[in-house]
Amino acid sequence: MSATPRSPQRTAQHAALNMFLGTWHATGSSYGGSRQTREAPRAAPSAWTSTHTAYWHTGGFFLMQDERAIVDGGPFDTLSILGVDPETDRCFVRSFENHGFQRLYALRQEGRVWTLSGPLERARIEFSDGGRTQNIHWEWRPDDGWLPLCDRVAVRVD
């Protein structure tokens, strides 16, 4: 006879994710194009504008974030699910984007700074202005080291 799995419980980690709630408008620059080099890591930036909205899914265990961006004149849309692994009590982000890529990131908080860590990409999000501003810096690892991927500032609009 198998044991009945224990039902997940909301933890302080779930409550901490509330920082991401709301509707945000972001502007900034995207890098990572063919002209990017180690010597010129921010060469030929593309303009970034986006709106993302984050809300709790029914039950309050998973935070849904839907981002609609225009980068270099084209769409870059991402749906992310933020949650807490009940086995480890560690946060994660599962991200799906309109170009067919999906990623899994470890998500960690240190005060007002959140970091996303994956094998090919990582990000640092710092909340300021009483939690109404996100300073977002993404990096990617094309070969043997990290390079800037995008820098943007998101301001809460609701």
C-alpha atoms as a PDB file:
ATOM      1  CA  MET A   1       0.000   0.000   0.000  1.00  0.00           C
ATOM      2  CA  SER A   2       1.463   3.399  -0.947  1.00  0.00           C
ATOM      3  CA  ALA A   3       1.570   6.365   1.378  1.00  0.00           C
ATOM      4  CA  THR A   4      -0.688   9.298   0.606  1.00  0.00           C
ATOM      5  CA  PRO A   5       1.381  12.258  -0.556  1.00  0.00           C
ATOM      6  CA  ARG A   6       1.330  15.217   1.792  1.00  0.00           C
ATOM      7  CA  SER A   7      -0.518  18.242   0.409  1.00  0.00           C
ATOM      8  CA  PRO A   8       1.715  21.214  -0.412  1.00  0.00           C
ATOM      9  CA  GLN A   9       1.581  24.054   2.084  1.00  0.00           C
ATOM     10  CA  ARG A  10       2.126  27.756   1.446  1.00  0.00           C
ATOM     11  CA  THR A  11       5.345  28.970   3.063  1.00  0.00           C
ATOM     12  CA  ALA A  12       7.152  32.251   3.667  1.00  0.00           C
ATOM     13  CA  GLN A  13       8.761  31.696   0.257  1.00  0.00           C
ATOM     14  CA  HIS A  14       5.340  31.989  -1.392  1.00  0.00           C
ATOM     15  CA  ALA A  15       4.644  35.235   0.472  1.00  0.00           C
ATOM     16  CA  ALA A  16       8.014  36.661  -0.624  1.00  0.00           C
ATOM     17  CA  LEU A  17       6.987  36.227  -4.286  1.00  0.00           C
ATOM     18  CA  ASN A  18       4.326  38.919  -3.728  1.00  0.00           C
ATOM     19  CA  MET A  19       6.998  41.476  -4.691  1.00  0.00           C
ATOM     20  CA  PHE A  20       6.443  40.493  -8.342  1.00  0.00           C
ATOM     21  CA  LEU A  21       2.658  41.055  -8.309  1.00  0.00           C
ATOM     22  CA  GLY A  22       1.075  43.726 -10.469  1.00  0.00           C
ATOM     23  CA  THR A  23       1.430  45.280 -13.890  1.00  0.00           C
ATOM     24  CA  TRP A  24       4.823  46.692 -14.860  1.00  0.00           C
ATOM     25  CA  HIS A  25       6.080  48.724 -17.827  1.00  0.00           C
ATOM     26  CA  ALA A  26       9.752  48.251 -18.766  1.00  0.00           C
ATOM     27  CA  THR A  27      12.168  50.029 -21.059  1.00  0.00           C
ATOM     28  CA  GLY A  28      15.807  49.316 -21.748  1.00  0.00           C
ATOM     29  CA  SER A  29      18.281  47.740 -24.117  1.00  0.00           C
ATOM     30  CA  SER A  30      18.823  44.233 -25.433  1.00  0.00           C
ATOM     31  CA  TYR A  31      22.223  42.929 -26.512  1.00  0.00           C
ATOM     32  CA  GLY A  32      23.417  39.545 -27.687  1.00  0.00           C
ATOM     33  CA  GLY A  33      23.408  40.282 -31.403  1.00  0.00           C
ATOM     34  CA  SER A  34      26.057  39.242 -33.898  1.00  0.00           C
ATOM     35  CA  ARG A  35      28.083  42.400 -33.192  1.00  0.00           C
ATOM     36  CA  GLN A  36      28.446  41.627 -29.483  1.00  0.00           C
ATOM     37  CA  THR A  37      31.998  40.654 -28.473  1.00  0.00           C
ATOM     38  CA  ARG A  38      33.927  40.392 -25.233  1.00  0.00           C
ATOM     39  CA  GLU A  39      35.631  43.663 -26.165  1.00  0.00           C
ATOM     40  CA  ALA A  40      32.293  45.362 -26.981  1.00  0.00           C
ATOM     41  CA  PRO A  41      29.711  43.533 -24.829  1.00  0.00           C
ATOM     42  CA  ARG A  42      27.021  46.207 -25.291  1.00  0.00           C
ATOM     43  CA  ALA A  43      27.589  46.817 -29.002  1.00  0.00           C
ATOM     44  CA  ALA A  44      24.602  47.628 -31.216  1.00  0.00           C
ATOM     45  CA  PRO A  45      21.878  47.602 -28.528  1.00  0.00           C
ATOM     46  CA  SER A  46      18.258  47.088 -29.535  1.00  0.00           C
ATOM     47  CA  ALA A  47      15.468  49.013 -27.846  1.00  0.00           C
ATOM     48  CA  TRP A  48      13.336  47.033 -25.383  1.00  0.00           C
ATOM     49  CA  THR A  49       9.806  47.955 -24.287  1.00  0.00           C
ATOM     50  CA  SER A  50       7.462  45.615 -22.485  1.00  0.00           C
ATOM     51  CA  THR A  51       4.552  45.209 -20.153  1.00  0.00           C
ATOM     52  CA  HIS A  52       4.349  42.301 -17.779  1.00  0.00           C
ATOM     53  CA  THR A  53       1.625  41.312 -15.395  1.00  0.00           C
ATOM     54  CA  ALA A  54       2.027  38.915 -12.483  1.00  0.00           C
ATOM     55  CA  TYR A  55      -0.830  37.340 -10.535  1.00  0.00           C
ATOM     56  CA  TRP A  56      -1.426  34.310  -8.328  1.00  0.00           C
ATOM     57  CA  HIS A  57      -2.912  31.267 -10.027  1.00  0.00           C
ATOM     58  CA  THR A  58      -5.933  29.732  -8.308  1.00  0.00           C
ATOM     59  CA  GLY A  59      -4.840  28.213  -5.003  1.00  0.00           C
ATOM     60  CA  GLY A  60      -1.991  30.673  -4.422  1.00  0.00           C
ATOM     61  CA  PHE A  61       0.876  28.241  -5.061  1.00  0.00           C
ATOM     62  CA  PHE A  62       2.072  29.498  -8.450  1.00  0.00           C
ATOM     63  CA  LEU A  63       2.584  33.068  -9.578  1.00  0.00           C
ATOM     64  CA  MET A  64       1.933  33.590 -13.287  1.00  0.00           C
ATOM     65  CA  GLN A  65       3.851  36.304 -15.133  1.00  0.00           C
ATOM     66  CA  ASP A  66       2.879  37.195 -18.703  1.00  0.00           C
ATOM     67  CA  GLU A  67       5.281  39.530 -20.497  1.00  0.00           C
ATOM     68  CA  ARG A  68       4.685  41.136 -23.898  1.00  0.00           C
ATOM     69  CA  ALA A  69       7.831  42.800 -25.263  1.00  0.00           C
ATOM     70  CA  ILE A  70       8.924  44.506 -28.446  1.00  0.00           C
ATOM     71  CA  VAL A  71      12.643  44.086 -29.060  1.00  0.00           C
ATOM     72  CA  ASP A  72      14.230  45.505 -32.182  1.00  0.00           C
ATOM     73  CA  GLY A  73      10.753  45.944 -33.667  1.00  0.00           C
ATOM     74  CA  GLY A  74       9.608  42.351 -33.147  1.00  0.00           C
ATOM     75  CA  PRO A  75       7.643  40.452 -30.477  1.00  0.00           C
ATOM     76  CA  PHE A  76       9.352  38.698 -27.588  1.00  0.00           C
ATOM     77  CA  ASP A  77       6.624  37.241 -25.375  1.00  0.00           C
ATOM     78  CA  THR A  78       7.283  35.184 -22.273  1.00  0.00           C
ATOM     79  CA  LEU A  79       5.019  33.269 -19.905  1.00  0.00           C
ATOM     80  CA  SER A  80       6.710  32.418 -16.613  1.00  0.00           C
ATOM     81  CA  ILE A  81       5.557  30.369 -13.662  1.00  0.00           C
ATOM     82  CA  LEU A  82       7.167  31.187 -10.314  1.00  0.00           C
ATOM     83  CA  GLY A  83       6.740  28.733  -7.491  1.00  0.00           C
ATOM     84  CA  VAL A  84       8.227  26.888  -4.554  1.00  0.00           C
ATOM     85  CA  ASP A  85       9.408  23.287  -4.746  1.00  0.00           C
ATOM     86  CA  PRO A  86       7.658  21.575  -1.813  1.00  0.00           C
ATOM     87  CA  GLU A  87      10.524  19.072  -1.432  1.00  0.00           C
ATOM     88  CA  THR A  88      13.264  21.708  -0.999  1.00  0.00           C
ATOM     89  CA  ASP A  89      11.306  24.895  -0.118  1.00  0.00           C
ATOM     90  CA  ARG A  90      13.355  26.639  -2.831  1.00  0.00           C
ATOM     91  CA  CYS A  91      11.884  28.970  -5.422  1.00  0.00           C
ATOM     92  CA  PHE A  92      12.006  28.344  -9.158  1.00  0.00           C
ATOM     93  CA  VAL A  93      10.960  29.964 -12.428  1.00  0.00           C
ATOM     94  CA  ARG A  94       9.764  27.951 -15.436  1.00  0.00           C
ATOM     95  CA  SER A  95       9.722  30.185 -18.505  1.00  0.00           C
ATOM     96  CA  PHE A  96       8.197  29.657 -21.969  1.00  0.00           C
ATOM     97  CA  GLU A  97       8.697  32.108 -24.834  1.00  0.00           C
ATOM     98  CA  ASN A  98       7.180  32.694 -28.237  1.00  0.00           C
ATOM     99  CA  HIS A  99      10.292  31.545 -30.145  1.00  0.00           C
ATOM    100  CA  GLY A 100       9.851  28.029 -28.768  1.00  0.00           C
ATOM    101  CA  PHE A 101      12.405  28.089 -25.942  1.00  0.00           C
ATOM    102  CA  GLN A 102      11.661  27.032 -22.378  1.00  0.00           C
ATOM    103  CA  ARG A 103      13.963  27.444 -19.416  1.00  0.00           C
ATOM    104  CA  LEU A 104      14.142  26.425 -15.768  1.00  0.00           C
ATOM    105  CA  TYR A 105      15.849  28.785 -13.318  1.00  0.00           C
ATOM    106  CA  ALA A 106      16.652  28.576  -9.639  1.00  0.00           C
ATOM    107  CA  LEU A 107      15.236  31.703  -7.975  1.00  0.00           C
ATOM    108  CA  ARG A 108      16.841  33.111  -4.834  1.00  0.00           C
ATOM    109  CA  GLN A 109      16.158  36.184  -2.725  1.00  0.00           C
ATOM    110  CA  GLU A 110      18.566  38.264  -0.684  1.00  0.00           C
ATOM    111  CA  GLY A 111      16.689  41.247   0.692  1.00  0.00           C
ATOM    112  CA  ARG A 112      15.407  43.303  -2.226  1.00  0.00           C
ATOM    113  CA  VAL A 113      17.541  41.419  -4.771  1.00  0.00           C
ATOM    114  CA  TRP A 114      16.338  38.312  -6.592  1.00  0.00           C
ATOM    115  CA  THR A 115      18.596  36.173  -8.782  1.00  0.00           C
ATOM    116  CA  LEU A 116      17.617  33.690 -11.452  1.00  0.00           C
ATOM    117  CA  SER A 117      20.254  31.082 -12.291  1.00  0.00           C
ATOM    118  CA  GLY A 118      20.270  28.736 -15.241  1.00  0.00           C
ATOM    119  CA  PRO A 119      22.990  26.986 -17.224  1.00  0.00           C
ATOM    120  CA  LEU A 120      22.849  29.459 -20.148  1.00  0.00           C
ATOM    121  CA  GLU A 121      21.230  32.571 -18.680  1.00  0.00           C
ATOM    122  CA  ARG A 122      21.051  34.373 -15.369  1.00  0.00           C
ATOM    123  CA  ALA A 123      19.425  37.541 -14.076  1.00  0.00           C
ATOM    124  CA  ARG A 124      19.556  39.979 -11.201  1.00  0.00           C
ATOM    125  CA  ILE A 125      16.381  41.879 -10.286  1.00  0.00           C
ATOM    126  CA  GLU A 126      16.656  44.573  -7.661  1.00  0.00           C
ATOM    127  CA  PHE A 127      13.513  46.159  -6.254  1.00  0.00           C
ATOM    128  CA  SER A 128      13.675  49.838  -5.249  1.00  0.00           C
ATOM    129  CA  ASP A 129      11.394  52.831  -4.728  1.00  0.00           C
ATOM    130  CA  GLY A 130       9.344  51.020  -2.098  1.00  0.00           C
ATOM    131  CA  GLY A 131       8.949  47.973  -4.343  1.00  0.00           C
ATOM    132  CA  ARG A 132       7.580  49.969  -7.300  1.00  0.00           C
ATOM    133  CA  THR A 133      10.691  49.688  -9.504  1.00  0.00           C
ATOM    134  CA  GLN A 134      12.594  46.654 -10.780  1.00  0.00           C
ATOM    135  CA  ASN A 135      16.159  47.120 -12.071  1.00  0.00           C
ATOM    136  CA  ILE A 136      16.677  44.067 -14.274  1.00  0.00           C
ATOM    137  CA  HIS A 137      19.980  42.809 -15.667  1.00  0.00           C
ATOM    138  CA  TRP A 138      20.159  39.584 -17.715  1.00  0.00           C
ATOM    139  CA  GLU A 139      23.328  37.834 -18.852  1.00  0.00           C
ATOM    140  CA  TRP A 140      23.922  34.901 -21.183  1.00  0.00           C
ATOM    141  CA  ARG A 141      26.782  32.479 -21.692  1.00  0.00           C
ATOM    142  CA  PRO A 142      27.419  32.012 -25.420  1.00  0.00           C
ATOM    143  CA  ASP A 143      30.788  30.258 -24.938  1.00  0.00           C
ATOM    144  CA  ASP A 144      33.140  30.350 -21.988  1.00  0.00           C
ATOM    145  CA  GLY A 145      31.949  33.407 -20.065  1.00  0.00           C
ATOM    146  CA  TRP A 146      28.997  35.629 -19.269  1.00  0.00           C
ATOM    147  CA  LEU A 147      27.963  38.600 -21.439  1.00  0.00           C
ATOM    148  CA  PRO A 148      25.146  41.151 -20.989  1.00  0.00           C
ATOM    149  CA  LEU A 149      21.857  40.088 -22.556  1.00  0.00           C
ATOM    150  CA  CYS A 150      19.602  42.989 -21.568  1.00  0.00           C
ATOM    151  CA  ASP A 151      19.289  45.847 -19.115  1.00  0.00           C
ATOM    152  CA  ARG A 152      15.917  47.339 -18.330  1.00  0.00           C
ATOM    153  CA  VAL A 153      13.950  49.167 -15.689  1.00  0.00           C
ATOM    154  CA  ALA A 154      10.356  48.174 -14.929  1.00  0.00           C
ATOM    155  CA  VAL A 155       7.991  50.525 -13.103  1.00  0.00           C
ATOM    156  CA  ARG A 156       4.782  49.315 -11.514  1.00  0.00           C
ATOM    157  CA  VAL A 157       1.766  50.937 -13.159  1.00  0.00           C
ATOM    158  CA  ASP A 158      -1.085  49.694 -10.969  1.00  0.00           C
END
